[in-house]
Amino acid sequence: MSRPKILVQLDPDPQASLFDAVVAVDSDVDQLLQYRQVEPAQVRDLVHGAVFTRGPKDLHQTAIFVGGSDVAQGERLLEHVVDSFFGPLRVSVFLDANGANTTAAAAVLAAERHLSLAGCTATVLAATGPVGQRVVRILAGEGCHVRVASRSMERAAAVCAQVNDAGHASQTEPVATTDENALTAALDGAQLVIAAGAAGIRLLPEKVMAQSNLQVAIDLNAVPPLGMEAVEVMDQAEQRGDCICYGAVGVGGTKMKIHKAAIRKLFTQNDLVLDVDEVFALGREVVGAGD
């Protein structure tokens, strides 16, 4: 008899994410075990509780999801989860704190519908945030020249250094967007712009965007004022002038499909670690299957 599929949700927040719980249920999880206010020092015992209770042949029926609103905290929890495994005693784990991995993957896949990423130039606004960093990493990995834009040149350069460490040294360029002139220069010659800023922060005025030759614009902010003045939250491959536009909701359908596919994939084997690169690869499969 097949064991029920158990998903262990580790969340550092005061309340475990209801959003992530609903997605887990909709992804055919049989039993969801939620742990909130999880600290790194608590992870090992929780992981051992997951791996010591079933025999090796059944461990693929247990999996771990690391969520929460703080991506840096989620990354630390993931590191402690992986460090707690040994030998065959391990289960698959998926990191999507604050939806950063699935959102970044969905944004890049939306762009890929209309552009060849290899050799194109992209500007990522608010690139030093958790989603922006992942967008930069994915784009650079696909051979795109990425302008890593931030109000702080120092922070932009730090993101470039991180991506360079992953082997994409020639693909990133830090740029400061301190005023409209700098923003115009950051978009000059770019075919793609992705705004990955915090909710309610306008990053790209319409008049600056109108001066560019962008082919695709993607805004991941769903809370007014939106990140791009010329893009609507519901846009999904909406043609505005010569530019194809996506808003946060327009990207959200693909993001949700990737999230659910990742949860289901956890239960196919017991040794998967689904972080940004793995989530993007899975997203490409989802899109290829007819998203």
C-alpha atoms as a PDB file:
ATOM      1  CA  MET A   1       0.000   0.000   0.000  1.00  0.00           C
ATOM      2  CA  SER A   2       1.322   3.443  -0.944  1.00  0.00           C
ATOM      3  CA  ARG A   3       2.230   5.768   1.893  1.00  0.00           C
ATOM      4  CA  PRO A   4       0.445   9.143   2.080  1.00  0.00           C
ATOM      5  CA  LYS A   5       2.409  12.097   0.724  1.00  0.00           C
ATOM      6  CA  ILE A   6       3.531  14.263   3.657  1.00  0.00           C
ATOM      7  CA  LEU A   7       4.818  17.803   3.132  1.00  0.00           C
ATOM      8  CA  VAL A   8       6.650  19.462   6.013  1.00  0.00           C
ATOM      9  CA  GLN A   9       6.335  23.268   5.741  1.00  0.00           C
ATOM     10  CA  LEU A  10       9.129  25.180   7.489  1.00  0.00           C
ATOM     11  CA  ASP A  11       8.364  28.876   7.911  1.00  0.00           C
ATOM     12  CA  PRO A  12      10.379  31.416   9.930  1.00  0.00           C
ATOM     13  CA  ASP A  13       7.426  33.832  10.232  1.00  0.00           C
ATOM     14  CA  PRO A  14       5.100  34.168  13.267  1.00  0.00           C
ATOM     15  CA  GLN A  15       2.374  32.500  11.202  1.00  0.00           C
ATOM     16  CA  ALA A  16       3.089  29.861   8.578  1.00  0.00           C
ATOM     17  CA  SER A  17       2.010  31.084   5.138  1.00  0.00           C
ATOM     18  CA  LEU A  18      -1.618  30.290   4.335  1.00  0.00           C
ATOM     19  CA  PHE A  19      -0.875  30.909   0.642  1.00  0.00           C
ATOM     20  CA  ASP A  20       1.768  28.168   0.631  1.00  0.00           C
ATOM     21  CA  ALA A  21      -0.550  25.843   2.543  1.00  0.00           C
ATOM     22  CA  VAL A  22      -3.364  26.247   0.011  1.00  0.00           C
ATOM     23  CA  VAL A  23      -0.985  25.621  -2.901  1.00  0.00           C
ATOM     24  CA  ALA A  24       0.263  22.468  -1.168  1.00  0.00           C
ATOM     25  CA  VAL A  25      -3.278  21.148  -0.779  1.00  0.00           C
ATOM     26  CA  ASP A  26      -4.022  21.968  -4.413  1.00  0.00           C
ATOM     27  CA  SER A  27      -0.854  20.065  -5.388  1.00  0.00           C
ATOM     28  CA  ASP A  28      -2.230  16.749  -4.116  1.00  0.00           C
ATOM     29  CA  VAL A  29      -0.385  16.632  -0.782  1.00  0.00           C
ATOM     30  CA  ASP A  30      -2.132  14.171   1.528  1.00  0.00           C
ATOM     31  CA  GLN A  31      -0.887  15.602   4.822  1.00  0.00           C
ATOM     32  CA  LEU A  32       0.588  19.068   5.476  1.00  0.00           C
ATOM     33  CA  LEU A  33       2.630  19.580   8.652  1.00  0.00           C
ATOM     34  CA  GLN A  34       3.246  23.288   9.316  1.00  0.00           C
ATOM     35  CA  TYR A  35       5.972  24.651  11.567  1.00  0.00           C
ATOM     36  CA  ARG A  36       6.196  28.391  12.220  1.00  0.00           C
ATOM     37  CA  GLN A  37       8.888  30.616  13.742  1.00  0.00           C
ATOM     38  CA  VAL A  38      11.445  28.023  12.709  1.00  0.00           C
ATOM     39  CA  GLU A  39      15.026  28.958  13.537  1.00  0.00           C
ATOM     40  CA  PRO A  40      18.141  27.367  12.027  1.00  0.00           C
ATOM     41  CA  ALA A  41      19.027  25.662  15.312  1.00  0.00           C
ATOM     42  CA  GLN A  42      15.697  23.785  15.214  1.00  0.00           C
ATOM     43  CA  VAL A  43      16.029  22.478  11.680  1.00  0.00           C
ATOM     44  CA  ARG A  44      18.143  19.374  12.299  1.00  0.00           C
ATOM     45  CA  ASP A  45      15.676  17.789  14.733  1.00  0.00           C
ATOM     46  CA  LEU A  46      12.758  18.544  12.421  1.00  0.00           C
ATOM     47  CA  VAL A  47      14.580  17.022   9.455  1.00  0.00           C
ATOM     48  CA  HIS A  48      15.553  13.951  11.433  1.00  0.00           C
ATOM     49  CA  GLY A  49      11.925  13.538  12.442  1.00  0.00           C
ATOM     50  CA  ALA A  50      11.090  13.439   8.732  1.00  0.00           C
ATOM     51  CA  VAL A  51      13.809  10.984   7.667  1.00  0.00           C
ATOM     52  CA  PHE A  52      13.882   8.525  10.591  1.00  0.00           C
ATOM     53  CA  THR A  53      10.187   7.639  10.504  1.00  0.00           C
ATOM     54  CA  ARG A  54       9.992   5.864   7.148  1.00  0.00           C
ATOM     55  CA  GLY A  55      12.184   3.284   5.484  1.00  0.00           C
ATOM     56  CA  PRO A  56      14.448   4.319   2.576  1.00  0.00           C
ATOM     57  CA  LYS A  57      12.025   2.966  -0.013  1.00  0.00           C
ATOM     58  CA  ASP A  58       9.261   5.244   1.317  1.00  0.00           C
ATOM     59  CA  LEU A  59      11.249   8.444   1.878  1.00  0.00           C
ATOM     60  CA  HIS A  60      10.172   9.849  -1.484  1.00  0.00           C
ATOM     61  CA  GLN A  61       6.698  10.154   0.048  1.00  0.00           C
ATOM     62  CA  THR A  62       7.942  12.748   2.536  1.00  0.00           C
ATOM     63  CA  ALA A  63       9.212  16.170   1.443  1.00  0.00           C
ATOM     64  CA  ILE A  64      10.096  19.599   2.865  1.00  0.00           C
ATOM     65  CA  PHE A  65       8.997  23.046   1.704  1.00  0.00           C
ATOM     66  CA  VAL A  66      10.886  26.107   2.950  1.00  0.00           C
ATOM     67  CA  GLY A  67       8.854  29.303   2.744  1.00  0.00           C
ATOM     68  CA  GLY A  68       8.268  32.500   4.695  1.00  0.00           C
ATOM     69  CA  SER A  69       8.410  36.170   3.800  1.00  0.00           C
ATOM     70  CA  ASP A  70      12.151  36.660   4.387  1.00  0.00           C
ATOM     71  CA  VAL A  71      14.158  35.100   1.563  1.00  0.00           C
ATOM     72  CA  ALA A  72      17.482  35.369   3.391  1.00  0.00           C
ATOM     73  CA  GLN A  73      16.031  33.479   6.345  1.00  0.00           C
ATOM     74  CA  GLY A  74      14.622  30.888   3.964  1.00  0.00           C
ATOM     75  CA  GLU A  75      18.032  30.416   2.373  1.00  0.00           C
ATOM     76  CA  ARG A  76      19.580  29.802   5.784  1.00  0.00           C
ATOM     77  CA  LEU A  77      16.888  27.256   6.633  1.00  0.00           C
ATOM     78  CA  LEU A  78      17.463  25.460   3.318  1.00  0.00           C
ATOM     79  CA  GLU A  79      21.183  25.274   4.024  1.00  0.00           C
ATOM     80  CA  HIS A  80      20.531  23.715   7.422  1.00  0.00           C
ATOM     81  CA  VAL A  81      18.012  21.270   5.930  1.00  0.00           C
ATOM     82  CA  VAL A  82      20.527  19.998   3.378  1.00  0.00           C
ATOM     83  CA  ASP A  83      23.295  19.815   6.005  1.00  0.00           C
ATOM     84  CA  SER A  84      21.029  17.616   8.165  1.00  0.00           C
ATOM     85  CA  PHE A  85      20.828  14.833   5.566  1.00  0.00           C
ATOM     86  CA  PHE A  86      23.285  11.961   5.523  1.00  0.00           C
ATOM     87  CA  GLY A  87      23.690   8.832   3.442  1.00  0.00           C
ATOM     88  CA  PRO A  88      20.363   7.608   2.048  1.00  0.00           C
ATOM     89  CA  LEU A  89      18.469   9.345   4.858  1.00  0.00           C
ATOM     90  CA  ARG A  90      17.225  12.386   3.005  1.00  0.00           C
ATOM     91  CA  VAL A  91      14.034  13.762   1.489  1.00  0.00           C
ATOM     92  CA  SER A  92      13.442  16.228  -1.319  1.00  0.00           C
ATOM     93  CA  VAL A  93      13.259  19.932  -0.452  1.00  0.00           C
ATOM     94  CA  PHE A  94      11.929  23.021  -2.264  1.00  0.00           C
ATOM     95  CA  LEU A  95      12.778  26.655  -1.446  1.00  0.00           C
ATOM     96  CA  ASP A  96      10.298  29.342  -2.472  1.00  0.00           C
ATOM     97  CA  ALA A  97      10.444  31.929   0.305  1.00  0.00           C
ATOM     98  CA  ASN A  98       8.244  34.893  -0.609  1.00  0.00           C
ATOM     99  CA  GLY A  99       7.655  33.213  -3.984  1.00  0.00           C
ATOM    100  CA  ALA A 100      11.046  34.475  -5.166  1.00  0.00           C
ATOM    101  CA  ASN A 101      12.130  31.427  -7.170  1.00  0.00           C
ATOM    102  CA  THR A 102       8.827  30.733  -8.901  1.00  0.00           C
ATOM    103  CA  THR A 103       8.171  34.421  -9.642  1.00  0.00           C
ATOM    104  CA  ALA A 104      11.619  34.955 -11.155  1.00  0.00           C
ATOM    105  CA  ALA A 105      11.283  31.814 -13.267  1.00  0.00           C
ATOM    106  CA  ALA A 106       7.839  32.831 -14.527  1.00  0.00           C
ATOM    107  CA  ALA A 107       9.055  36.322 -15.456  1.00  0.00           C
ATOM    108  CA  VAL A 108      11.974  35.062 -17.491  1.00  0.00           C
ATOM    109  CA  LEU A 109       9.824  32.445 -19.196  1.00  0.00           C
ATOM    110  CA  ALA A 110       7.341  35.163 -20.184  1.00  0.00           C
ATOM    111  CA  ALA A 111      10.173  37.127 -21.785  1.00  0.00           C
ATOM    112  CA  GLU A 112      11.437  34.021 -23.541  1.00  0.00           C
ATOM    113  CA  ARG A 113       8.137  33.696 -25.398  1.00  0.00           C
ATOM    114  CA  HIS A 114       9.005  36.837 -27.350  1.00  0.00           C
ATOM    115  CA  LEU A 115      12.807  37.142 -27.304  1.00  0.00           C
ATOM    116  CA  SER A 116      15.837  34.973 -27.773  1.00  0.00           C
ATOM    117  CA  LEU A 117      17.580  35.498 -24.440  1.00  0.00           C
ATOM    118  CA  ALA A 118      21.021  34.511 -25.697  1.00  0.00           C
ATOM    119  CA  GLY A 119      22.772  37.687 -26.766  1.00  0.00           C
ATOM    120  CA  CYS A 120      19.971  40.086 -25.858  1.00  0.00           C
ATOM    121  CA  THR A 121      20.401  42.994 -23.429  1.00  0.00           C
ATOM    122  CA  ALA A 122      18.113  43.163 -20.392  1.00  0.00           C
ATOM    123  CA  THR A 123      17.772  45.733 -17.641  1.00  0.00           C
ATOM    124  CA  VAL A 124      16.551  44.439 -14.272  1.00  0.00           C
ATOM    125  CA  LEU A 125      15.212  47.235 -12.062  1.00  0.00           C
ATOM    126  CA  ALA A 126      15.497  46.788  -8.289  1.00  0.00           C
ATOM    127  CA  ALA A 127      17.844  43.946  -9.130  1.00  0.00           C
ATOM    128  CA  THR A 128      19.306  43.739  -5.632  1.00  0.00           C
ATOM    129  CA  GLY A 129      16.085  42.430  -4.048  1.00  0.00           C
ATOM    130  CA  PRO A 130      15.393  38.699  -3.669  1.00  0.00           C
ATOM    131  CA  VAL A 131      13.357  38.331  -6.873  1.00  0.00           C
ATOM    132  CA  GLY A 132      15.626  40.657  -8.829  1.00  0.00           C
ATOM    133  CA  GLN A 133      18.739  38.711  -7.897  1.00  0.00           C
ATOM    134  CA  ARG A 134      17.162  35.511  -9.132  1.00  0.00           C
ATOM    135  CA  VAL A 135      15.997  37.119 -12.365  1.00  0.00           C
ATOM    136  CA  VAL A 136      19.553  38.329 -12.964  1.00  0.00           C
ATOM    137  CA  ARG A 137      20.992  34.885 -12.306  1.00  0.00           C
ATOM    138  CA  ILE A 138      18.564  33.134 -14.651  1.00  0.00           C
ATOM    139  CA  LEU A 139      19.005  35.673 -17.455  1.00  0.00           C
ATOM    140  CA  ALA A 140      22.790  35.570 -17.215  1.00  0.00           C
ATOM    141  CA  GLY A 141      22.707  31.790 -17.250  1.00  0.00           C
ATOM    142  CA  GLU A 142      20.732  31.928 -20.479  1.00  0.00           C
ATOM    143  CA  GLY A 143      23.388  34.074 -22.153  1.00  0.00           C
ATOM    144  CA  CYS A 144      21.686  37.429 -21.752  1.00  0.00           C
ATOM    145  CA  HIS A 145      23.742  40.559 -21.063  1.00  0.00           C
ATOM    146  CA  VAL A 146      22.153  41.856 -17.866  1.00  0.00           C
ATOM    147  CA  ARG A 147      22.269  45.405 -16.569  1.00  0.00           C
ATOM    148  CA  VAL A 148      21.870  45.038 -12.832  1.00  0.00           C
ATOM    149  CA  ALA A 149      20.099  48.254 -11.839  1.00  0.00           C
ATOM    150  CA  SER A 150      19.841  49.710  -8.359  1.00  0.00           C
ATOM    151  CA  ARG A 151      19.882  53.121  -6.707  1.00  0.00           C
ATOM    152  CA  SER A 152      23.124  51.915  -5.122  1.00  0.00           C
ATOM    153  CA  MET A 153      26.024  51.098  -7.446  1.00  0.00           C
ATOM    154  CA  GLU A 154      27.697  49.251  -4.575  1.00  0.00           C
ATOM    155  CA  ARG A 155      24.729  46.926  -4.097  1.00  0.00           C
ATOM    156  CA  ALA A 156      24.404  46.386  -7.844  1.00  0.00           C
ATOM    157  CA  ALA A 157      28.091  45.445  -8.060  1.00  0.00           C
ATOM    158  CA  ALA A 158      27.637  42.985  -5.180  1.00  0.00           C
ATOM    159  CA  VAL A 159      24.861  41.185  -7.077  1.00  0.00           C
ATOM    160  CA  CYS A 160      27.071  41.041 -10.173  1.00  0.00           C
ATOM    161  CA  ALA A 161      29.839  39.486  -8.075  1.00  0.00           C
ATOM    162  CA  GLN A 162      27.448  36.827  -6.774  1.00  0.00           C
ATOM    163  CA  VAL A 163      26.312  35.942 -10.285  1.00  0.00           C
ATOM    164  CA  ASN A 164      29.912  35.969 -11.491  1.00  0.00           C
ATOM    165  CA  ASP A 165      30.737  33.377  -8.846  1.00  0.00           C
ATOM    166  CA  ALA A 166      28.126  31.162 -10.505  1.00  0.00           C
ATOM    167  CA  GLY A 167      30.121  31.312 -13.753  1.00  0.00           C
ATOM    168  CA  HIS A 168      28.469  34.149 -15.688  1.00  0.00           C
ATOM    169  CA  ALA A 169      31.165  36.807 -15.276  1.00  0.00           C
ATOM    170  CA  SER A 170      30.853  38.358 -18.725  1.00  0.00           C
ATOM    171  CA  GLN A 171      27.064  38.624 -18.618  1.00  0.00           C
ATOM    172  CA  THR A 172      26.399  41.242 -15.908  1.00  0.00           C
ATOM    173  CA  GLU A 173      26.936  44.988 -15.613  1.00  0.00           C
ATOM    174  CA  PRO A 174      26.081  47.106 -12.546  1.00  0.00           C
ATOM    175  CA  VAL A 175      24.225  50.354 -13.227  1.00  0.00           C
ATOM    176  CA  ALA A 176      22.935  53.027 -10.858  1.00  0.00           C
ATOM    177  CA  THR A 177      19.441  54.433 -11.452  1.00  0.00           C
ATOM    178  CA  THR A 178      19.609  57.521  -9.262  1.00  0.00           C
ATOM    179  CA  ASP A 179      17.591  59.814 -11.572  1.00  0.00           C
ATOM    180  CA  GLU A 180      15.692  59.815 -14.860  1.00  0.00           C
ATOM    181  CA  ASN A 181      18.818  60.441 -16.925  1.00  0.00           C
ATOM    182  CA  ALA A 182      20.533  57.433 -15.365  1.00  0.00           C
ATOM    183  CA  LEU A 183      17.402  55.349 -15.865  1.00  0.00           C
ATOM    184  CA  THR A 184      17.233  56.358 -19.530  1.00  0.00           C
ATOM    185  CA  ALA A 185      20.866  55.325 -19.964  1.00  0.00           C
ATOM    186  CA  ALA A 186      20.198  51.995 -18.239  1.00  0.00           C
ATOM    187  CA  LEU A 187      17.500  51.235 -20.823  1.00  0.00           C
ATOM    188  CA  ASP A 188      19.453  52.440 -23.847  1.00  0.00           C
ATOM    189  CA  GLY A 189      19.805  49.566 -26.287  1.00  0.00           C
ATOM    190  CA  ALA A 190      17.981  47.082 -24.031  1.00  0.00           C
ATOM    191  CA  GLN A 191      15.352  44.794 -25.530  1.00  0.00           C
ATOM    192  CA  LEU A 192      13.938  43.647 -22.186  1.00  0.00           C
ATOM    193  CA  VAL A 193      13.185  45.295 -18.857  1.00  0.00           C
ATOM    194  CA  ILE A 194      11.952  43.505 -15.736  1.00  0.00           C
ATOM    195  CA  ALA A 195      10.923  45.508 -12.676  1.00  0.00           C
ATOM    196  CA  ALA A 196      11.346  43.473  -9.486  1.00  0.00           C
ATOM    197  CA  GLY A 197      10.851  46.178  -6.879  1.00  0.00           C
ATOM    198  CA  ALA A 198       8.973  46.161  -3.617  1.00  0.00           C
ATOM    199  CA  ALA A 199       5.206  46.675  -3.571  1.00  0.00           C
ATOM    200  CA  GLY A 200       3.993  50.187  -4.227  1.00  0.00           C
ATOM    201  CA  ILE A 201       7.224  51.664  -5.618  1.00  0.00           C
ATOM    202  CA  ARG A 202       7.250  53.273  -9.077  1.00  0.00           C
ATOM    203  CA  LEU A 203      10.498  52.373 -10.846  1.00  0.00           C
ATOM    204  CA  LEU A 204       9.863  53.289 -14.481  1.00  0.00           C
ATOM    205  CA  PRO A 205       7.897  56.407 -15.506  1.00  0.00           C
ATOM    206  CA  GLU A 206       5.983  56.191 -18.768  1.00  0.00           C
ATOM    207  CA  LYS A 207       7.940  59.029 -20.393  1.00  0.00           C
ATOM    208  CA  VAL A 208      11.262  57.252 -19.785  1.00  0.00           C
ATOM    209  CA  MET A 209       9.917  53.979 -21.162  1.00  0.00           C
ATOM    210  CA  ALA A 210       8.558  55.821 -24.230  1.00  0.00           C
ATOM    211  CA  GLN A 211      12.087  56.976 -25.090  1.00  0.00           C
ATOM    212  CA  SER A 212      13.406  53.403 -25.179  1.00  0.00           C
ATOM    213  CA  ASN A 213      13.336  50.705 -27.848  1.00  0.00           C
ATOM    214  CA  LEU A 214      12.159  47.960 -25.542  1.00  0.00           C
ATOM    215  CA  GLN A 215      10.529  44.890 -27.021  1.00  0.00           C
ATOM    216  CA  VAL A 216       9.303  43.322 -23.757  1.00  0.00           C
ATOM    217  CA  ALA A 217       8.457  44.929 -20.392  1.00  0.00           C
ATOM    218  CA  ILE A 218       7.543  42.897 -17.298  1.00  0.00           C
ATOM    219  CA  ASP A 219       6.407  44.460 -14.024  1.00  0.00           C
ATOM    220  CA  LEU A 220       6.246  42.130 -11.011  1.00  0.00           C
ATOM    221  CA  ASN A 221       4.622  44.623  -8.629  1.00  0.00           C
ATOM    222  CA  ALA A 222       0.871  44.144  -8.159  1.00  0.00           C
ATOM    223  CA  VAL A 223       0.320  46.935  -5.589  1.00  0.00           C
ATOM    224  CA  PRO A 224      -0.357  50.530  -6.747  1.00  0.00           C
ATOM    225  CA  PRO A 225       1.531  52.551  -7.679  1.00  0.00           C
ATOM    226  CA  LEU A 226       2.797  49.865 -10.015  1.00  0.00           C
ATOM    227  CA  GLY A 227       6.482  49.501 -10.841  1.00  0.00           C
ATOM    228  CA  MET A 228       5.989  50.572 -14.461  1.00  0.00           C
ATOM    229  CA  GLU A 229       3.607  53.413 -15.184  1.00  0.00           C
ATOM    230  CA  ALA A 230       2.871  52.177 -18.726  1.00  0.00           C
ATOM    231  CA  VAL A 231       2.085  48.564 -17.722  1.00  0.00           C
ATOM    232  CA  GLU A 232      -1.183  47.343 -16.204  1.00  0.00           C
ATOM    233  CA  VAL A 233      -1.275  44.648 -13.530  1.00  0.00           C
ATOM    234  CA  MET A 234      -3.466  42.366 -15.696  1.00  0.00           C
ATOM    235  CA  ASP A 235      -1.348  42.710 -18.851  1.00  0.00           C
ATOM    236  CA  GLN A 236      -0.473  39.371 -20.405  1.00  0.00           C
ATOM    237  CA  ALA A 237       1.415  39.791 -23.684  1.00  0.00           C
ATOM    238  CA  GLU A 238      -0.404  43.112 -24.153  1.00  0.00           C
ATOM    239  CA  GLN A 239       0.932  45.105 -27.093  1.00  0.00           C
ATOM    240  CA  ARG A 240       1.553  48.724 -26.115  1.00  0.00           C
ATOM    241  CA  GLY A 241       3.159  50.531 -29.011  1.00  0.00           C
ATOM    242  CA  ASP A 242       6.125  48.401 -30.071  1.00  0.00           C
ATOM    243  CA  CYS A 243       6.481  46.761 -26.643  1.00  0.00           C
ATOM    244  CA  ILE A 244       4.874  43.576 -25.335  1.00  0.00           C
ATOM    245  CA  CYS A 245       3.858  44.047 -21.685  1.00  0.00           C
ATOM    246  CA  TYR A 246       3.217  41.766 -18.728  1.00  0.00           C
ATOM    247  CA  GLY A 247       1.892  42.761 -15.325  1.00  0.00           C
ATOM    248  CA  ALA A 248       2.173  40.837 -12.082  1.00  0.00           C
ATOM    249  CA  VAL A 249      -1.127  39.009 -12.531  1.00  0.00           C
ATOM    250  CA  GLY A 250      -0.251  38.283 -16.158  1.00  0.00           C
ATOM    251  CA  VAL A 251       2.860  36.454 -14.964  1.00  0.00           C
ATOM    252  CA  GLY A 252       1.111  34.964 -11.935  1.00  0.00           C
ATOM    253  CA  GLY A 253      -0.634  32.117 -13.744  1.00  0.00           C
ATOM    254  CA  THR A 254       2.672  30.618 -14.833  1.00  0.00           C
ATOM    255  CA  LYS A 255       4.166  31.219 -11.386  1.00  0.00           C
ATOM    256  CA  MET A 256       1.351  29.206  -9.787  1.00  0.00           C
ATOM    257  CA  LYS A 257       1.738  26.343 -12.264  1.00  0.00           C
ATOM    258  CA  ILE A 258       5.476  26.174 -11.545  1.00  0.00           C
ATOM    259  CA  HIS A 259       4.852  26.186  -7.780  1.00  0.00           C
ATOM    260  CA  LYS A 260       2.382  23.303  -8.020  1.00  0.00           C
ATOM    261  CA  ALA A 261       4.613  21.346 -10.399  1.00  0.00           C
ATOM    262  CA  ALA A 262       7.536  21.730  -7.992  1.00  0.00           C
ATOM    263  CA  ILE A 263       5.488  20.405  -5.064  1.00  0.00           C
ATOM    264  CA  ARG A 264       4.413  17.389  -7.106  1.00  0.00           C
ATOM    265  CA  LYS A 265       7.972  16.756  -8.311  1.00  0.00           C
ATOM    266  CA  LEU A 266       9.214  16.504  -4.711  1.00  0.00           C
ATOM    267  CA  PHE A 267       7.420  13.186  -4.371  1.00  0.00           C
ATOM    268  CA  THR A 268       9.040  11.552  -7.400  1.00  0.00           C
ATOM    269  CA  GLN A 269      12.322  10.868  -5.563  1.00  0.00           C
ATOM    270  CA  ASN A 270      13.915  11.575  -2.195  1.00  0.00           C
ATOM    271  CA  ASP A 271      17.059  13.521  -3.123  1.00  0.00           C
ATOM    272  CA  LEU A 272      15.920  16.660  -4.969  1.00  0.00           C
ATOM    273  CA  VAL A 273      16.932  20.179  -3.924  1.00  0.00           C
ATOM    274  CA  LEU A 274      14.766  22.653  -5.838  1.00  0.00           C
ATOM    275  CA  ASP A 275      16.324  26.120  -5.725  1.00  0.00           C
ATOM    276  CA  VAL A 276      16.353  28.835  -8.388  1.00  0.00           C
ATOM    277  CA  ASP A 277      18.098  26.952 -11.221  1.00  0.00           C
ATOM    278  CA  GLU A 278      16.084  23.780 -10.691  1.00  0.00           C
ATOM    279  CA  VAL A 279      12.826  25.736 -10.465  1.00  0.00           C
ATOM    280  CA  PHE A 280      13.578  27.544 -13.741  1.00  0.00           C
ATOM    281  CA  ALA A 281      14.348  24.262 -15.495  1.00  0.00           C
ATOM    282  CA  LEU A 282      11.087  22.827 -14.189  1.00  0.00           C
ATOM    283  CA  GLY A 283       9.244  25.962 -15.311  1.00  0.00           C
ATOM    284  CA  ARG A 284      10.531  25.472 -18.824  1.00  0.00           C
ATOM    285  CA  GLU A 285       9.065  21.948 -18.743  1.00  0.00           C
ATOM    286  CA  VAL A 286       5.743  23.356 -17.548  1.00  0.00           C
ATOM    287  CA  VAL A 287       5.658  25.913 -20.348  1.00  0.00           C
ATOM    288  CA  GLY A 288       6.702  23.293 -22.885  1.00  0.00           C
ATOM    289  CA  ALA A 289       3.844  21.100 -21.744  1.00  0.00           C
ATOM    290  CA  GLY A 290       1.369  23.764 -22.785  1.00  0.00           C
ATOM    291  CA  ASP A 291       1.228  26.566 -20.225  1.00  0.00           C
END
